[in-house]
Amino acid sequence: MGSRSAWGLSRRRVLIAGAGAGGAAALAGGLAVRHRLHHQAVTHHKVLPDGRFRRLALSWPSSNMLVFAVARQHFFAAYNLDVALVGGARSGRAAIADMVAGRAVGAASPILTWLDVMRLGGVQARLVSGLQSGTFRLLVRRKLKVVRLDGIAGLRIAVEDQDMADRLFFSVMMRRKGIDPEASVRWVTLPPEQVMDAARAGEIDAVAAHDPLAWQLLHGTDSPFFELANSTTGHYGERANLALGLSDSLLQSDPAAAAALVMALRAASDWIKAHPDQAASLMTGQIPGMETGDILSMLRHETLGISPVGNDLRVQVAQYVDEMKLLGRVPDTVGSSAYAKRVCANALVTDTPAALWPQAVGPT
């Protein structure tokens, strides 16, 4: 796989339309999971879909489309939803911008990115559900013989954008190892199509990226990289990375719509865990340079089915707030649990009075 196809996919919007791969077996599996999750929702949650048909607009980063694709294929219709994407966002930050501008009622973005944007205030939205775990990978040139993260000081690390969650995540990991991520390494902004050539020429030492981009860079033909660190194993692999945020206006004006959307997306996340082979088939042809077997292998090296809501989500967000403190992006005086409670809402219950929500989230 060439470097252009590996990184070029981050600039393409993945579109899944019509009948996907997997045939009747996939649909039957989707219906079974849909029925089970709907039954669980009826049993345990206070807010339920009301049967009304709704059209909603979301913004979603084009490099993390699997959950949305499965939800559109198998679950949105079951919850009487017609969900369209707007803006063609290439990053989580751009997706949030679409929502803030009123082009969408919600956005998908890494939790680290949500917190980094929210710290500045002006975001009238709440996080309502995790969507998938993180797939960040720090890839280092083999010739460097670096064997541990604490040996990374002095390296030149390529990132597509200085504000991407890839950089934030590995900056946190460096802080935990006593490395200053601002002073001890050099973050190099490099056009995606130049990364492989730059690595082979010795112009960069490493790259911070996420799947499917990182997977292709790591497993491409004659790849110069090995994987030094990731977010797919250990306790990081059990935490949500990508999260859905919904506007306060939707949560307050149409809680049933918010609940239906959260249920559909959580059902999709659960379905991917139960049917990784069918999920891989669904994405075949949508990720340039990756065949069904490649996608399935990638999914088997990720933690699937991570979609916390309610208190589970708040606990994980509080952990991320603690980590943002390590980077100086949230004041140490901010209570992490209290702040997580402010920026999260449980769309499946109604016990948080809308009148008590702040109009714009930011640390105080």
Foldseek 3Di string as FASTA:
>chain_A
DALCLLLVQLQDAFDFDDAFPDPPVLQVLLVVLLVVLLVVLVVPFDFAAPPDADEFEFAEARQPCLLVNLLVNHNQVVSNYHYYYPDNHSAQLVRQVCCLVPVGQKYKHFLLLVQLVQQVKSRQKFFFKFQAAFFKFKKFFPVVPDQAPQVCFAFEEEDQDPSHVLLLVVCLVCLVVVHRSVPGYHYDHDHSSCVQVCVVVVVGTIYIDGPPSVVCLCPPDPRRIDTHDTQFDDPSLQAGTMTMMGGLCCCVVPLSVVVSVLSSSLSSQVSCVVCVLRSLRRCAPRRPPDHSVSSSVSVVSGRTNRMDGDPVNLVRSLVSLVSVVSVVSAPPPFRSSVLSVLRHDHSRHDPDDSVPHDRMGHTD
